[in-house]
Amino acid sequence: MAVGVATGVIQLFLHPPLGAMRLETIPGEPLTGVQSLDRPRAGRGTDAYGIRYTILTIPDGYGVTPGPGTNVVDRQVVGMSVIHRLNDGSLIESQGQSFRTTSGQLLFQESFPLRVVVEMAPGVGVRLAWLLVLP
């Protein structure tokens, strides 16, 4: 049981409950193409717990099916890659995910990534926001 408690504490540090977070919109919407984003604070890398997207524009011809809470698109519309820098300076992708929904979020599995690369499908424009802890 102690392992479950320790994991819970670690999980709380990495991902506070969503209800304890707020959104900080990343300027420039609608963002399109490939975006390499960071939010450096105190030299620790990106000081956020995750990133959220909401699709603002979608081209004609994409099939969209209504869903409970978010709509589902007939193809990948957003891809995210979390990049970390190792002690030796090497860059690695520590996490990646593709999305077919019109909104969603990615909570970082490892704290303080160097940057997050977000790629939108052609013609797709999104609003992006960092997931931060309430002040």
C-alpha atoms as a PDB file:
ATOM      1  CA  MET A   1       0.000   0.000   0.000  1.00  0.00           C
ATOM      2  CA  ALA A   2       2.873   2.409   0.647  1.00  0.00           C
ATOM      3  CA  VAL A   3       3.810   2.133  -3.036  1.00  0.00           C
ATOM      4  CA  GLY A   4       0.333   3.348  -3.990  1.00  0.00           C
ATOM      5  CA  VAL A   5       0.662   6.311  -1.655  1.00  0.00           C
ATOM      6  CA  ALA A   6       4.120   7.205  -3.001  1.00  0.00           C
ATOM      7  CA  THR A   7       2.867   6.950  -6.578  1.00  0.00           C
ATOM      8  CA  GLY A   8      -0.080   9.173  -5.649  1.00  0.00           C
ATOM      9  CA  VAL A   9       2.238  11.822  -4.203  1.00  0.00           C
ATOM     10  CA  ILE A  10       4.507  11.698  -7.261  1.00  0.00           C
ATOM     11  CA  GLN A  11       1.482  11.848  -9.557  1.00  0.00           C
ATOM     12  CA  LEU A  12       0.172  14.861  -7.629  1.00  0.00           C
ATOM     13  CA  PHE A  13       3.504  16.655  -8.147  1.00  0.00           C
ATOM     14  CA  LEU A  14       3.577  15.876 -11.869  1.00  0.00           C
ATOM     15  CA  HIS A  15      -0.120  16.450 -12.500  1.00  0.00           C
ATOM     16  CA  PRO A  16      -2.120  18.438  -9.979  1.00  0.00           C
ATOM     17  CA  PRO A  17      -5.853  17.791 -10.265  1.00  0.00           C
ATOM     18  CA  LEU A  18      -7.372  19.475 -13.319  1.00  0.00           C
ATOM     19  CA  GLY A  19      -9.671  21.409 -11.003  1.00  0.00           C
ATOM     20  CA  ALA A  20      -6.598  23.098  -9.477  1.00  0.00           C
ATOM     21  CA  MET A  21      -5.330  24.300 -12.866  1.00  0.00           C
ATOM     22  CA  ARG A  22      -5.962  27.310 -15.061  1.00  0.00           C
ATOM     23  CA  LEU A  23      -5.414  28.020 -18.748  1.00  0.00           C
ATOM     24  CA  GLU A  24      -2.934  30.566 -20.102  1.00  0.00           C
ATOM     25  CA  THR A  25      -3.654  31.185 -23.789  1.00  0.00           C
ATOM     26  CA  ILE A  26      -0.655  31.122 -26.105  1.00  0.00           C
ATOM     27  CA  PRO A  27      -0.866  34.226 -28.335  1.00  0.00           C
ATOM     28  CA  GLY A  28      -1.210  34.215 -32.120  1.00  0.00           C
ATOM     29  CA  GLU A  29      -4.365  32.234 -32.715  1.00  0.00           C
ATOM     30  CA  PRO A  30      -5.382  30.630 -34.878  1.00  0.00           C
ATOM     31  CA  LEU A  31      -2.067  28.788 -34.787  1.00  0.00           C
ATOM     32  CA  THR A  32      -1.357  26.637 -37.841  1.00  0.00           C
ATOM     33  CA  GLY A  33       1.378  24.422 -39.256  1.00  0.00           C
ATOM     34  CA  VAL A  34       4.174  23.417 -36.883  1.00  0.00           C
ATOM     35  CA  GLN A  35       4.742  25.358 -33.666  1.00  0.00           C
ATOM     36  CA  SER A  36       7.703  24.870 -31.293  1.00  0.00           C
ATOM     37  CA  LEU A  37       6.602  26.282 -27.939  1.00  0.00           C
ATOM     38  CA  ASP A  38       8.161  26.873 -24.557  1.00  0.00           C
ATOM     39  CA  ARG A  39       7.343  28.722 -21.357  1.00  0.00           C
ATOM     40  CA  PRO A  40      10.689  29.076 -19.570  1.00  0.00           C
ATOM     41  CA  ARG A  41      10.666  30.061 -15.926  1.00  0.00           C
ATOM     42  CA  ALA A  42      13.642  30.155 -13.523  1.00  0.00           C
ATOM     43  CA  GLY A  43      15.846  28.156 -15.917  1.00  0.00           C
ATOM     44  CA  ARG A  44      13.838  24.985 -15.358  1.00  0.00           C
ATOM     45  CA  GLY A  45      12.423  24.533 -18.844  1.00  0.00           C
ATOM     46  CA  THR A  46       8.752  24.846 -19.654  1.00  0.00           C
ATOM     47  CA  ASP A  47       6.983  25.695 -16.425  1.00  0.00           C
ATOM     48  CA  ALA A  48       3.578  24.126 -17.110  1.00  0.00           C
ATOM     49  CA  TYR A  49       1.881  20.821 -16.416  1.00  0.00           C
ATOM     50  CA  GLY A  50       0.455  20.322 -19.865  1.00  0.00           C
ATOM     51  CA  ILE A  51      -0.953  21.942 -22.975  1.00  0.00           C
ATOM     52  CA  ARG A  52      -4.538  22.143 -24.255  1.00  0.00           C
ATOM     53  CA  TYR A  53      -5.801  22.670 -27.786  1.00  0.00           C
ATOM     54  CA  THR A  54      -9.143  23.728 -29.220  1.00  0.00           C
ATOM     55  CA  ILE A  55      -9.737  23.642 -32.971  1.00  0.00           C
ATOM     56  CA  LEU A  56     -10.973  26.985 -34.284  1.00  0.00           C
ATOM     57  CA  THR A  57     -10.961  26.306 -38.038  1.00  0.00           C
ATOM     58  CA  ILE A  58     -11.225  23.075 -39.962  1.00  0.00           C
ATOM     59  CA  PRO A  59     -11.226  22.766 -43.767  1.00  0.00           C
ATOM     60  CA  ASP A  60     -14.177  21.640 -45.833  1.00  0.00           C
ATOM     61  CA  GLY A  61     -14.010  17.941 -46.586  1.00  0.00           C
ATOM     62  CA  TYR A  62     -12.947  16.837 -43.127  1.00  0.00           C
ATOM     63  CA  GLY A  63     -15.562  14.546 -41.641  1.00  0.00           C
ATOM     64  CA  VAL A  64     -16.645  15.567 -38.139  1.00  0.00           C
ATOM     65  CA  THR A  65     -18.811  13.346 -35.953  1.00  0.00           C
ATOM     66  CA  PRO A  66     -20.472  14.858 -32.871  1.00  0.00           C
ATOM     67  CA  GLY A  67     -19.338  13.242 -29.650  1.00  0.00           C
ATOM     68  CA  PRO A  68     -19.997  13.610 -25.939  1.00  0.00           C
ATOM     69  CA  GLY A  69     -17.857  16.551 -24.836  1.00  0.00           C
ATOM     70  CA  THR A  70     -15.815  16.871 -28.033  1.00  0.00           C
ATOM     71  CA  ASN A  71     -16.306  16.081 -31.697  1.00  0.00           C
ATOM     72  CA  VAL A  72     -14.283  13.421 -33.522  1.00  0.00           C
ATOM     73  CA  VAL A  73     -12.608  14.113 -36.864  1.00  0.00           C
ATOM     74  CA  ASP A  74     -12.081  11.440 -39.524  1.00  0.00           C
ATOM     75  CA  ARG A  75      -8.285  11.976 -39.495  1.00  0.00           C
ATOM     76  CA  GLN A  76      -5.484  13.179 -37.261  1.00  0.00           C
ATOM     77  CA  VAL A  77      -5.787  16.939 -36.780  1.00  0.00           C
ATOM     78  CA  VAL A  78      -3.200  17.661 -34.062  1.00  0.00           C
ATOM     79  CA  GLY A  79       0.059  15.969 -33.092  1.00  0.00           C
ATOM     80  CA  MET A  80       2.172  16.851 -30.046  1.00  0.00           C
ATOM     81  CA  SER A  81       5.736  15.951 -29.140  1.00  0.00           C
ATOM     82  CA  VAL A  82       7.306  16.771 -25.761  1.00  0.00           C
ATOM     83  CA  ILE A  83      11.067  17.411 -25.913  1.00  0.00           C
ATOM     84  CA  HIS A  84      13.446  17.166 -22.940  1.00  0.00           C
ATOM     85  CA  ARG A  85      17.160  18.003 -22.693  1.00  0.00           C
ATOM     86  CA  LEU A  86      19.333  15.434 -20.925  1.00  0.00           C
ATOM     87  CA  ASN A  87      22.282  16.332 -18.662  1.00  0.00           C
ATOM     88  CA  ASP A  88      24.695  15.685 -21.552  1.00  0.00           C
ATOM     89  CA  GLY A  89      22.795  18.166 -23.756  1.00  0.00           C
ATOM     90  CA  SER A  90      21.065  15.524 -25.868  1.00  0.00           C
ATOM     91  CA  LEU A  91      17.485  16.217 -26.900  1.00  0.00           C
ATOM     92  CA  ILE A  92      14.919  13.420 -26.716  1.00  0.00           C
ATOM     93  CA  GLU A  93      11.212  13.091 -27.363  1.00  0.00           C
ATOM     94  CA  SER A  94       9.868  11.974 -24.002  1.00  0.00           C
ATOM     95  CA  GLN A  95       6.222  11.836 -25.022  1.00  0.00           C
ATOM     96  CA  GLY A  96       4.162  12.072 -28.180  1.00  0.00           C
ATOM     97  CA  GLN A  97       0.491  11.863 -29.028  1.00  0.00           C
ATOM     98  CA  SER A  98      -1.817  12.345 -31.992  1.00  0.00           C
ATOM     99  CA  PHE A  99      -5.387  13.596 -31.721  1.00  0.00           C
ATOM    100  CA  ARG A 100      -8.536  13.213 -33.839  1.00  0.00           C
ATOM    101  CA  THR A 101     -10.778  15.300 -31.577  1.00  0.00           C
ATOM    102  CA  THR A 102     -11.688  18.985 -31.799  1.00  0.00           C
ATOM    103  CA  SER A 103     -10.346  19.670 -28.300  1.00  0.00           C
ATOM    104  CA  GLY A 104      -8.128  17.923 -25.811  1.00  0.00           C
ATOM    105  CA  GLN A 105      -5.027  18.176 -23.675  1.00  0.00           C
ATOM    106  CA  LEU A 106      -1.733  16.510 -23.033  1.00  0.00           C
ATOM    107  CA  LEU A 107      -0.487  16.352 -19.434  1.00  0.00           C
ATOM    108  CA  PHE A 108       3.297  16.048 -19.286  1.00  0.00           C
ATOM    109  CA  GLN A 109       4.591  12.701 -17.999  1.00  0.00           C
ATOM    110  CA  GLU A 110       7.917  14.308 -17.038  1.00  0.00           C
ATOM    111  CA  SER A 111       8.272  17.754 -15.467  1.00  0.00           C
ATOM    112  CA  PHE A 112       9.815  20.806 -17.134  1.00  0.00           C
ATOM    113  CA  PRO A 113      10.169  19.873 -20.801  1.00  0.00           C
ATOM    114  CA  LEU A 114      12.464  22.018 -22.931  1.00  0.00           C
ATOM    115  CA  ARG A 115       9.670  22.588 -25.447  1.00  0.00           C
ATOM    116  CA  VAL A 116       6.509  21.171 -26.954  1.00  0.00           C
ATOM    117  CA  VAL A 117       6.183  20.791 -30.703  1.00  0.00           C
ATOM    118  CA  VAL A 118       2.600  20.968 -31.953  1.00  0.00           C
ATOM    119  CA  GLU A 119       1.707  20.140 -35.560  1.00  0.00           C
ATOM    120  CA  MET A 120      -1.693  20.903 -37.041  1.00  0.00           C
ATOM    121  CA  ALA A 121      -3.039  19.178 -40.155  1.00  0.00           C
ATOM    122  CA  PRO A 122      -3.190  21.365 -43.296  1.00  0.00           C
ATOM    123  CA  GLY A 123      -5.911  24.006 -43.010  1.00  0.00           C
ATOM    124  CA  VAL A 124      -6.512  23.395 -39.293  1.00  0.00           C
ATOM    125  CA  GLY A 125      -6.222  26.407 -36.949  1.00  0.00           C
ATOM    126  CA  VAL A 126      -6.131  25.999 -33.180  1.00  0.00           C
ATOM    127  CA  ARG A 127      -6.119  27.865 -29.895  1.00  0.00           C
ATOM    128  CA  LEU A 128      -3.387  26.569 -27.590  1.00  0.00           C
ATOM    129  CA  ALA A 129      -3.089  27.129 -23.850  1.00  0.00           C
ATOM    130  CA  TRP A 130      -0.698  26.037 -21.136  1.00  0.00           C
ATOM    131  CA  LEU A 131      -2.160  24.158 -18.168  1.00  0.00           C
ATOM    132  CA  LEU A 132      -0.860  25.909 -15.042  1.00  0.00           C
ATOM    133  CA  VAL A 133      -1.506  25.710 -11.322  1.00  0.00           C
ATOM    134  CA  LEU A 134      -3.815  28.368  -9.934  1.00  0.00           C
ATOM    135  CA  PRO A 135      -1.917  31.374  -8.512  1.00  0.00           C
END
